[in-house]
Amino acid sequence: MPTDDAERTLLLRRLDGQRQHVLSQLEGLTDEQLRRPVLPSGWSCLGLVRHLTVSDERYWFEVVVAGGPLDFWPEGDNGDWRVEASEPAEAVVDAYLRAIARSDELVTSRRLADAPAQPEDWWESAGLHFPDVRSVLVHVLVETATHAGQLDAVRELLDGRQYLVL
């Protein structure tokens, strides 16, 4: 059984690998490609990064783990996927990087067995259970990996670039 520090390091390293995968899939795309919806659901690469920033990094770590307010949540349906045309792509990516740094600080300042500071009432009715920081961290790792895979498909549709997983 690894120590808390060794396990946390492993989980954060794996999560960081998925975060870097997301960022690498944006490299070389034009502004138009970053904003172009490719799939029928209508999200863009930048929209996915916005979602990862707001829904995964900020919500799960700042709100659930640390107990902070949800005062940053965008208004409207799917607001966490929306990027305004006037918003620079670099600002969207920078917000993601800042959220990642804050998330890592929050995770390293707690024990993996600590209970979330702000659990949600709706989790049980949705069949979800997050008893500790570890389960939240694993959840965000899986979510980020899932979205990285979706971004792989979108990137291939945009310009033919394929990501090879060995």
N, C-alpha and C. Protein backbone atom coordinates (compact mmCIF):
# COMPACT_ATOMS: atom_id res chain seq x y z
N MET A 1 0.84 -1.19 0.00
CA MET A 1 0.00 0.00 0.00
C MET A 1 0.88 1.25 0.00
N PRO A 2 0.76 2.09 -1.03
CA PRO A 2 1.62 3.28 -1.06
C PRO A 2 1.23 4.29 0.01
N THR A 3 2.19 5.12 0.37
CA THR A 3 1.87 6.19 1.32
C THR A 3 0.97 7.18 0.62
N ASP A 4 0.33 8.04 1.40
CA ASP A 4 -0.54 9.07 0.85
C ASP A 4 0.21 9.93 -0.16
N ASP A 5 1.45 10.32 0.18
CA ASP A 5 2.23 11.17 -0.71
C ASP A 5 2.55 10.46 -2.02
N ALA A 6 2.93 9.20 -1.95
CA ALA A 6 3.25 8.45 -3.16
C ALA A 6 2.01 8.27 -4.04
N GLU A 7 0.89 7.97 -3.42
CA GLU A 7 -0.36 7.79 -4.18
C GLU A 7 -0.81 9.11 -4.79
N ARG A 8 -0.74 10.18 -4.01
CA ARG A 8 -1.13 11.51 -4.52
C ARG A 8 -0.23 11.90 -5.69
N THR A 9 1.07 11.67 -5.55
CA THR A 9 2.00 11.99 -6.63
C THR A 9 1.66 11.20 -7.89
N LEU A 10 1.36 9.92 -7.74
CA LEU A 10 0.99 9.09 -8.88
C LEU A 10 -0.28 9.61 -9.55
N LEU A 11 -1.31 9.87 -8.75
CA LEU A 11 -2.58 10.34 -9.31
C LEU A 11 -2.43 11.70 -9.99
N LEU A 12 -1.71 12.62 -9.35
CA LEU A 12 -1.51 13.94 -9.95
C LEU A 12 -0.66 13.85 -11.21
N ARG A 13 0.31 12.96 -11.22
CA ARG A 13 1.14 12.79 -12.42
C ARG A 13 0.30 12.27 -13.57
N ARG A 14 -0.57 11.31 -13.29
CA ARG A 14 -1.44 10.77 -14.35
C ARG A 14 -2.44 11.83 -14.83
N LEU A 15 -3.00 12.59 -13.89
CA LEU A 15 -3.92 13.66 -14.27
C LEU A 15 -3.18 14.71 -15.10
N ASP A 16 -1.97 15.05 -14.69
CA ASP A 16 -1.22 16.04 -15.45
C ASP A 16 -0.92 15.53 -16.86
N GLY A 17 -0.68 14.25 -17.01
CA GLY A 17 -0.46 13.69 -18.34
C GLY A 17 -1.67 13.88 -19.23
N GLN A 18 -2.86 13.71 -18.68
CA GLN A 18 -4.08 13.92 -19.46
C GLN A 18 -4.30 15.40 -19.76
N ARG A 19 -4.00 16.24 -18.79
CA ARG A 19 -4.11 17.69 -19.03
C ARG A 19 -3.17 18.11 -20.15
N GLN A 20 -1.94 17.61 -20.13
CA GLN A 20 -0.97 17.95 -21.17
C GLN A 20 -1.41 17.40 -22.53
N HIS A 21 -2.04 16.25 -22.51
CA HIS A 21 -2.58 15.68 -23.75
C HIS A 21 -3.61 16.63 -24.35
N VAL A 22 -4.51 17.14 -23.52
CA VAL A 22 -5.51 18.10 -23.99
C VAL A 22 -4.82 19.31 -24.61
N LEU A 23 -3.86 19.87 -23.90
CA LEU A 23 -3.18 21.07 -24.39
C LEU A 23 -2.41 20.80 -25.68
N SER A 24 -1.79 19.62 -25.78
CA SER A 24 -1.03 19.31 -26.99
C SER A 24 -1.93 19.17 -28.21
N GLN A 25 -3.18 18.77 -27.99
CA GLN A 25 -4.10 18.62 -29.12
C GLN A 25 -4.56 19.98 -29.66
N LEU A 26 -4.31 21.04 -28.93
CA LEU A 26 -4.66 22.38 -29.40
C LEU A 26 -3.54 22.99 -30.24
N GLU A 27 -2.33 22.48 -30.08
CA GLU A 27 -1.16 23.06 -30.74
C GLU A 27 -1.31 22.99 -32.25
N GLY A 28 -1.02 24.10 -32.90
CA GLY A 28 -1.02 24.16 -34.35
C GLY A 28 -2.38 24.42 -34.98
N LEU A 29 -3.44 24.47 -34.17
CA LEU A 29 -4.75 24.78 -34.73
C LEU A 29 -4.91 26.28 -34.90
N THR A 30 -5.58 26.68 -35.94
CA THR A 30 -5.87 28.10 -36.15
C THR A 30 -6.97 28.52 -35.18
N ASP A 31 -7.15 29.82 -35.05
CA ASP A 31 -8.22 30.33 -34.20
C ASP A 31 -9.57 29.82 -34.69
N GLU A 32 -9.74 29.79 -35.99
CA GLU A 32 -11.01 29.31 -36.56
C GLU A 32 -11.22 27.84 -36.21
N GLN A 33 -10.19 27.03 -36.30
CA GLN A 33 -10.31 25.60 -35.96
C GLN A 33 -10.59 25.41 -34.48
N LEU A 34 -9.97 26.20 -33.63
CA LEU A 34 -10.19 26.11 -32.18
C LEU A 34 -11.65 26.41 -31.81
N ARG A 35 -12.29 27.22 -32.61
CA ARG A 35 -13.67 27.66 -32.32
C ARG A 35 -14.74 26.89 -33.11
N ARG A 36 -14.33 26.10 -34.08
CA ARG A 36 -15.28 25.44 -34.97
C ARG A 36 -15.91 24.21 -34.29
N PRO A 37 -17.24 24.18 -34.20
CA PRO A 37 -17.90 22.95 -33.74
C PRO A 37 -17.75 21.87 -34.82
N VAL A 38 -17.38 20.67 -34.41
CA VAL A 38 -17.16 19.59 -35.35
C VAL A 38 -18.20 18.49 -35.18
N LEU A 39 -18.54 18.19 -33.96
CA LEU A 39 -19.50 17.12 -33.66
C LEU A 39 -20.92 17.68 -33.58
N PRO A 40 -21.92 16.82 -33.77
CA PRO A 40 -23.31 17.29 -33.74
C PRO A 40 -23.71 17.98 -32.43
N SER A 41 -23.04 17.65 -31.33
CA SER A 41 -23.38 18.29 -30.06
C SER A 41 -22.99 19.77 -30.04
N GLY A 42 -22.11 20.19 -30.95
CA GLY A 42 -21.84 21.61 -31.14
C GLY A 42 -20.71 22.21 -30.34
N TRP A 43 -19.94 21.43 -29.60
CA TRP A 43 -18.85 22.04 -28.85
C TRP A 43 -17.60 22.19 -29.72
N SER A 44 -16.77 23.15 -29.34
CA SER A 44 -15.51 23.42 -30.02
C SER A 44 -14.36 23.00 -29.11
N CYS A 45 -13.16 23.00 -29.65
CA CYS A 45 -11.98 22.70 -28.83
C CYS A 45 -11.86 23.67 -27.66
N LEU A 46 -12.07 24.95 -27.94
CA LEU A 46 -12.01 25.94 -26.86
C LEU A 46 -13.14 25.73 -25.87
N GLY A 47 -14.30 25.35 -26.36
CA GLY A 47 -15.43 25.06 -25.48
C GLY A 47 -15.10 23.90 -24.55
N LEU A 48 -14.42 22.89 -25.06
CA LEU A 48 -14.02 21.76 -24.23
C LEU A 48 -13.05 22.22 -23.14
N VAL A 49 -12.10 23.08 -23.50
CA VAL A 49 -11.15 23.59 -22.52
C VAL A 49 -11.88 24.42 -21.46
N ARG A 50 -12.85 25.22 -21.89
CA ARG A 50 -13.65 25.99 -20.92
C ARG A 50 -14.38 25.03 -19.96
N HIS A 51 -14.97 23.97 -20.51
CA HIS A 51 -15.67 22.98 -19.69
C HIS A 51 -14.71 22.33 -18.68
N LEU A 52 -13.54 21.93 -19.15
CA LEU A 52 -12.56 21.33 -18.24
C LEU A 52 -12.15 22.30 -17.13
N THR A 53 -12.04 23.56 -17.49
CA THR A 53 -11.67 24.59 -16.51
C THR A 53 -12.74 24.76 -15.45
N VAL A 54 -13.97 24.97 -15.90
CA VAL A 54 -15.06 25.32 -14.99
C VAL A 54 -15.63 24.08 -14.29
N SER A 55 -15.98 23.07 -15.05
CA SER A 55 -16.69 21.92 -14.51
C SER A 55 -15.79 20.91 -13.82
N ASP A 56 -14.59 20.75 -14.32
CA ASP A 56 -13.71 19.74 -13.73
C ASP A 56 -12.73 20.33 -12.73
N GLU A 57 -11.90 21.24 -13.17
CA GLU A 57 -10.89 21.78 -12.25
C GLU A 57 -11.52 22.65 -11.14
N ARG A 58 -12.26 23.65 -11.53
CA ARG A 58 -12.75 24.61 -10.54
C ARG A 58 -13.86 24.03 -9.68
N TYR A 59 -14.87 23.42 -10.31
CA TYR A 59 -15.99 22.89 -9.51
C TYR A 59 -15.50 21.80 -8.55
N TRP A 60 -14.83 20.79 -9.08
CA TRP A 60 -14.49 19.65 -8.22
C TRP A 60 -13.45 19.98 -7.16
N PHE A 61 -12.48 20.82 -7.48
CA PHE A 61 -11.43 21.09 -6.50
C PHE A 61 -11.71 22.33 -5.66
N GLU A 62 -12.07 23.43 -6.29
CA GLU A 62 -12.32 24.66 -5.52
C GLU A 62 -13.60 24.57 -4.69
N VAL A 63 -14.65 24.01 -5.27
CA VAL A 63 -15.95 23.97 -4.59
C VAL A 63 -16.08 22.71 -3.74
N VAL A 64 -16.00 21.55 -4.37
CA VAL A 64 -16.25 20.29 -3.66
C VAL A 64 -15.15 20.00 -2.64
N VAL A 65 -13.91 19.98 -3.08
CA VAL A 65 -12.81 19.63 -2.16
C VAL A 65 -12.58 20.73 -1.13
N ALA A 66 -12.49 21.98 -1.58
CA ALA A 66 -12.10 23.07 -0.68
C ALA A 66 -13.27 23.82 -0.05
N GLY A 67 -14.48 23.63 -0.57
CA GLY A 67 -15.63 24.30 0.03
C GLY A 67 -15.84 25.73 -0.41
N GLY A 68 -15.22 26.13 -1.51
CA GLY A 68 -15.36 27.50 -2.00
C GLY A 68 -16.71 27.75 -2.65
N PRO A 69 -17.02 29.00 -2.95
CA PRO A 69 -18.31 29.34 -3.56
C PRO A 69 -18.35 28.98 -5.05
N LEU A 70 -19.54 28.77 -5.54
CA LEU A 70 -19.76 28.46 -6.95
C LEU A 70 -20.12 29.74 -7.69
N ASP A 71 -19.50 30.85 -7.32
CA ASP A 71 -19.84 32.15 -7.89
C ASP A 71 -19.23 32.41 -9.27
N PHE A 72 -18.46 31.47 -9.78
CA PHE A 72 -17.82 31.62 -11.08
C PHE A 72 -18.60 30.93 -12.20
N TRP A 73 -19.67 30.21 -11.85
CA TRP A 73 -20.37 29.40 -12.85
C TRP A 73 -21.05 30.29 -13.89
N PRO A 74 -20.82 30.04 -15.17
CA PRO A 74 -21.42 30.86 -16.22
C PRO A 74 -22.94 30.68 -16.29
N GLU A 75 -23.63 31.72 -16.65
CA GLU A 75 -25.08 31.67 -16.77
C GLU A 75 -25.49 31.00 -18.07
N GLY A 76 -26.71 30.48 -18.08
CA GLY A 76 -27.28 29.91 -19.29
C GLY A 76 -26.98 28.44 -19.47
N ASP A 77 -27.77 27.82 -20.34
CA ASP A 77 -27.58 26.41 -20.64
C ASP A 77 -26.20 26.20 -21.26
N ASN A 78 -25.52 25.19 -20.77
CA ASN A 78 -24.18 24.84 -21.27
C ASN A 78 -23.20 26.01 -21.22
N GLY A 79 -23.39 26.88 -20.25
CA GLY A 79 -22.49 28.03 -20.12
C GLY A 79 -21.05 27.63 -19.89
N ASP A 80 -20.85 26.44 -19.32
CA ASP A 80 -19.48 25.98 -19.06
C ASP A 80 -18.79 25.48 -20.33
N TRP A 81 -19.49 25.45 -21.45
CA TRP A 81 -18.92 25.07 -22.74
C TRP A 81 -18.80 26.27 -23.69
N ARG A 82 -19.29 27.41 -23.28
CA ARG A 82 -19.40 28.56 -24.19
C ARG A 82 -18.17 29.48 -24.09
N VAL A 83 -17.67 29.86 -25.26
CA VAL A 83 -16.57 30.82 -25.36
C VAL A 83 -17.03 31.89 -26.33
N GLU A 84 -17.02 33.13 -25.90
CA GLU A 84 -17.45 34.23 -26.75
C GLU A 84 -16.44 34.46 -27.87
N ALA A 85 -16.93 34.89 -29.01
CA ALA A 85 -16.07 35.15 -30.18
C ALA A 85 -14.99 36.19 -29.88
N SER A 86 -15.31 37.12 -28.99
CA SER A 86 -14.36 38.20 -28.67
C SER A 86 -13.30 37.76 -27.64
N GLU A 87 -13.47 36.60 -27.05
CA GLU A 87 -12.54 36.12 -26.03
C GLU A 87 -11.33 35.46 -26.71
N PRO A 88 -10.13 35.95 -26.44
CA PRO A 88 -8.95 35.37 -27.07
C PRO A 88 -8.74 33.91 -26.65
N ALA A 89 -8.31 33.09 -27.59
CA ALA A 89 -8.04 31.68 -27.31
C ALA A 89 -7.01 31.55 -26.19
N GLU A 90 -6.02 32.42 -26.20
CA GLU A 90 -4.97 32.36 -25.18
C GLU A 90 -5.55 32.57 -23.78
N ALA A 91 -6.57 33.39 -23.66
CA ALA A 91 -7.20 33.63 -22.36
C ALA A 91 -7.91 32.38 -21.85
N VAL A 92 -8.53 31.64 -22.75
CA VAL A 92 -9.21 30.40 -22.37
C VAL A 92 -8.20 29.37 -21.88
N VAL A 93 -7.11 29.23 -22.61
CA VAL A 93 -6.06 28.29 -22.22
C VAL A 93 -5.39 28.73 -20.92
N ASP A 94 -5.13 30.02 -20.78
CA ASP A 94 -4.51 30.54 -19.56
C ASP A 94 -5.40 30.30 -18.34
N ALA A 95 -6.70 30.46 -18.50
CA ALA A 95 -7.62 30.18 -17.38
C ALA A 95 -7.54 28.71 -16.98
N TYR A 96 -7.41 27.83 -17.96
CA TYR A 96 -7.27 26.40 -17.67
C TYR A 96 -5.97 26.14 -16.90
N LEU A 97 -4.89 26.74 -17.34
CA LEU A 97 -3.60 26.55 -16.66
C LEU A 97 -3.64 27.08 -15.23
N ARG A 98 -4.28 28.22 -15.03
CA ARG A 98 -4.42 28.76 -13.66
C ARG A 98 -5.28 27.84 -12.79
N ALA A 99 -6.34 27.31 -13.35
CA ALA A 99 -7.21 26.40 -12.60
C ALA A 99 -6.47 25.12 -12.24
N ILE A 100 -5.65 24.62 -13.15
CA ILE A 100 -4.84 23.43 -12.87
C ILE A 100 -3.90 23.69 -11.70
N ALA A 101 -3.20 24.82 -11.73
CA ALA A 101 -2.26 25.14 -10.65
C ALA A 101 -2.98 25.23 -9.31
N ARG A 102 -4.14 25.86 -9.30
CA ARG A 102 -4.93 25.98 -8.06
C ARG A 102 -5.41 24.61 -7.60
N SER A 103 -5.88 23.79 -8.52
CA SER A 103 -6.34 22.44 -8.18
C SER A 103 -5.22 21.64 -7.53
N ASP A 104 -4.05 21.68 -8.12
CA ASP A 104 -2.92 20.93 -7.57
C ASP A 104 -2.57 21.41 -6.16
N GLU A 105 -2.62 22.73 -5.94
CA GLU A 105 -2.38 23.27 -4.59
C GLU A 105 -3.39 22.71 -3.60
N LEU A 106 -4.66 22.69 -4.00
CA LEU A 106 -5.72 22.21 -3.11
C LEU A 106 -5.57 20.73 -2.79
N VAL A 107 -5.23 19.95 -3.80
CA VAL A 107 -5.07 18.50 -3.58
C VAL A 107 -3.86 18.22 -2.70
N THR A 108 -2.78 18.95 -2.89
CA THR A 108 -1.58 18.68 -2.09
C THR A 108 -1.71 19.21 -0.66
N SER A 109 -2.68 20.06 -0.41
CA SER A 109 -2.86 20.58 0.95
C SER A 109 -3.80 19.73 1.80
N ARG A 110 -4.31 18.63 1.24
CA ARG A 110 -5.24 17.76 1.95
C ARG A 110 -4.78 16.31 1.88
N ARG A 111 -5.29 15.53 2.82
CA ARG A 111 -5.05 14.09 2.77
C ARG A 111 -6.04 13.48 1.78
N LEU A 112 -5.64 12.44 1.10
CA LEU A 112 -6.53 11.79 0.15
C LEU A 112 -7.78 11.22 0.82
N ALA A 113 -7.66 10.85 2.09
CA ALA A 113 -8.80 10.29 2.82
C ALA A 113 -9.74 11.35 3.39
N ASP A 114 -9.37 12.63 3.28
CA ASP A 114 -10.24 13.71 3.79
C ASP A 114 -11.55 13.72 3.02
N ALA A 115 -12.62 13.99 3.74
CA ALA A 115 -13.94 14.12 3.11
C ALA A 115 -14.00 15.44 2.34
N PRO A 116 -14.78 15.48 1.27
CA PRO A 116 -14.97 16.76 0.57
C PRO A 116 -15.55 17.80 1.52
N ALA A 117 -15.11 19.03 1.40
CA ALA A 117 -15.62 20.10 2.25
C ALA A 117 -17.06 20.45 1.91
N GLN A 118 -17.46 20.22 0.66
CA GLN A 118 -18.80 20.62 0.22
C GLN A 118 -19.42 19.54 -0.68
N PRO A 119 -19.88 18.44 -0.08
CA PRO A 119 -20.55 17.42 -0.89
C PRO A 119 -21.89 17.95 -1.39
N GLU A 120 -22.37 17.36 -2.46
CA GLU A 120 -23.64 17.79 -3.07
C GLU A 120 -24.75 16.80 -2.75
N ASP A 121 -25.94 17.32 -2.45
CA ASP A 121 -27.10 16.47 -2.14
C ASP A 121 -27.51 15.60 -3.32
N TRP A 122 -27.34 16.09 -4.53
CA TRP A 122 -27.81 15.37 -5.71
C TRP A 122 -26.98 14.16 -6.08
N TRP A 123 -25.78 14.01 -5.52
CA TRP A 123 -24.92 12.89 -5.89
C TRP A 123 -25.60 11.54 -5.68
N GLU A 124 -26.22 11.38 -4.52
CA GLU A 124 -26.84 10.08 -4.21
C GLU A 124 -27.93 9.71 -5.20
N SER A 125 -28.80 10.66 -5.54
CA SER A 125 -29.88 10.37 -6.49
C SER A 125 -29.35 10.09 -7.89
N ALA A 126 -28.13 10.56 -8.19
CA ALA A 126 -27.51 10.30 -9.48
C ALA A 126 -26.64 9.04 -9.45
N GLY A 127 -26.61 8.37 -8.31
CA GLY A 127 -25.81 7.16 -8.18
C GLY A 127 -24.32 7.43 -8.02
N LEU A 128 -23.98 8.63 -7.55
CA LEU A 128 -22.59 9.02 -7.39
C LEU A 128 -22.20 9.01 -5.92
N HIS A 129 -20.93 8.74 -5.65
CA HIS A 129 -20.45 8.70 -4.28
C HIS A 129 -19.00 9.18 -4.27
N PHE A 130 -18.75 10.26 -3.58
CA PHE A 130 -17.41 10.82 -3.48
C PHE A 130 -17.09 11.04 -2.00
N PRO A 131 -16.68 9.97 -1.31
CA PRO A 131 -16.46 10.06 0.13
C PRO A 131 -15.19 10.77 0.54
N ASP A 132 -14.25 10.93 -0.40
CA ASP A 132 -12.95 11.49 -0.03
C ASP A 132 -12.30 12.21 -1.21
N VAL A 133 -11.21 12.89 -0.91
CA VAL A 133 -10.47 13.63 -1.94
C VAL A 133 -9.97 12.66 -3.01
N ARG A 134 -9.56 11.48 -2.61
CA ARG A 134 -9.08 10.47 -3.56
C ARG A 134 -10.12 10.20 -4.64
N SER A 135 -11.38 9.98 -4.25
CA SER A 135 -12.42 9.66 -5.22
C SER A 135 -12.70 10.85 -6.15
N VAL A 136 -12.59 12.05 -5.64
CA VAL A 136 -12.76 13.24 -6.48
C VAL A 136 -11.61 13.33 -7.48
N LEU A 137 -10.40 13.10 -7.01
CA LEU A 137 -9.22 13.16 -7.87
C LEU A 137 -9.31 12.12 -8.99
N VAL A 138 -9.71 10.91 -8.65
CA VAL A 138 -9.87 9.87 -9.67
C VAL A 138 -10.98 10.24 -10.65
N HIS A 139 -12.06 10.82 -10.14
CA HIS A 139 -13.16 11.25 -11.02
C HIS A 139 -12.67 12.28 -12.04
N VAL A 140 -11.93 13.27 -11.59
CA VAL A 140 -11.44 14.31 -12.50
C VAL A 140 -10.42 13.71 -13.48
N LEU A 141 -9.62 12.78 -13.04
CA LEU A 141 -8.68 12.10 -13.93
C LEU A 141 -9.43 11.37 -15.05
N VAL A 142 -10.48 10.64 -14.69
CA VAL A 142 -11.27 9.92 -15.70
C VAL A 142 -11.98 10.90 -16.64
N GLU A 143 -12.56 11.95 -16.09
CA GLU A 143 -13.24 12.95 -16.92
C GLU A 143 -12.27 13.62 -17.90
N THR A 144 -11.10 13.97 -17.41
CA THR A 144 -10.12 14.64 -18.27
C THR A 144 -9.64 13.68 -19.36
N ALA A 145 -9.40 12.42 -19.00
CA ALA A 145 -8.99 11.44 -20.00
C ALA A 145 -10.07 11.21 -21.05
N THR A 146 -11.32 11.17 -20.62
CA THR A 146 -12.44 11.00 -21.55
C THR A 146 -12.49 12.17 -22.52
N HIS A 147 -12.38 13.37 -22.00
CA HIS A 147 -12.42 14.55 -22.87
C HIS A 147 -11.19 14.63 -23.77
N ALA A 148 -10.04 14.18 -23.28
CA ALA A 148 -8.84 14.15 -24.13
C ALA A 148 -9.07 13.22 -25.32
N GLY A 149 -9.73 12.10 -25.09
CA GLY A 149 -10.04 11.19 -26.19
C GLY A 149 -11.02 11.78 -27.18
N GLN A 150 -12.00 12.50 -26.67
CA GLN A 150 -12.93 13.18 -27.57
C GLN A 150 -12.19 14.22 -28.41
N LEU A 151 -11.27 14.92 -27.79
CA LEU A 151 -10.49 15.92 -28.49
C LEU A 151 -9.60 15.28 -29.56
N ASP A 152 -9.12 14.06 -29.31
CA ASP A 152 -8.35 13.34 -30.33
C ASP A 152 -9.18 13.17 -31.60
N ALA A 153 -10.44 12.74 -31.44
CA ALA A 153 -11.30 12.52 -32.60
C ALA A 153 -11.58 13.83 -33.31
N VAL A 154 -11.86 14.87 -32.56
CA VAL A 154 -12.14 16.18 -33.16
C VAL A 154 -10.92 16.69 -33.91
N ARG A 155 -9.75 16.54 -33.31
CA ARG A 155 -8.52 17.00 -33.97
C ARG A 155 -8.33 16.27 -35.30
N GLU A 156 -8.58 14.97 -35.32
CA GLU A 156 -8.43 14.22 -36.56
C GLU A 156 -9.42 14.71 -37.62
N LEU A 157 -10.62 15.04 -37.20
CA LEU A 157 -11.61 15.57 -38.14
C LEU A 157 -11.24 16.96 -38.64
N LEU A 158 -10.62 17.76 -37.78
CA LEU A 158 -10.25 19.12 -38.17
C LEU A 158 -9.11 19.16 -39.18
N ASP A 159 -8.05 18.41 -38.92
CA ASP A 159 -6.88 18.53 -39.80
C ASP A 159 -6.16 17.22 -40.10
N GLY A 160 -6.74 16.11 -39.69
CA GLY A 160 -6.16 14.82 -40.00
C GLY A 160 -5.10 14.34 -39.03
N ARG A 161 -4.69 15.18 -38.08
CA ARG A 161 -3.65 14.78 -37.12
C ARG A 161 -4.20 13.68 -36.21
N GLN A 162 -3.44 12.61 -36.11
CA GLN A 162 -3.85 11.48 -35.27
C GLN A 162 -2.94 11.38 -34.07
N TYR A 163 -3.56 11.07 -32.95
CA TYR A 163 -2.80 10.84 -31.72
C TYR A 163 -2.62 9.33 -31.57
N LEU A 164 -1.41 8.89 -31.38
CA LEU A 164 -1.13 7.47 -31.25
C LEU A 164 -0.92 7.13 -29.78
N VAL A 165 -1.72 6.22 -29.29
CA VAL A 165 -1.59 5.75 -27.91
C VAL A 165 -0.90 4.41 -27.95
N LEU A 166 0.20 4.29 -27.25
CA LEU A 166 0.95 3.03 -27.19
C LEU A 166 0.70 2.31 -25.90
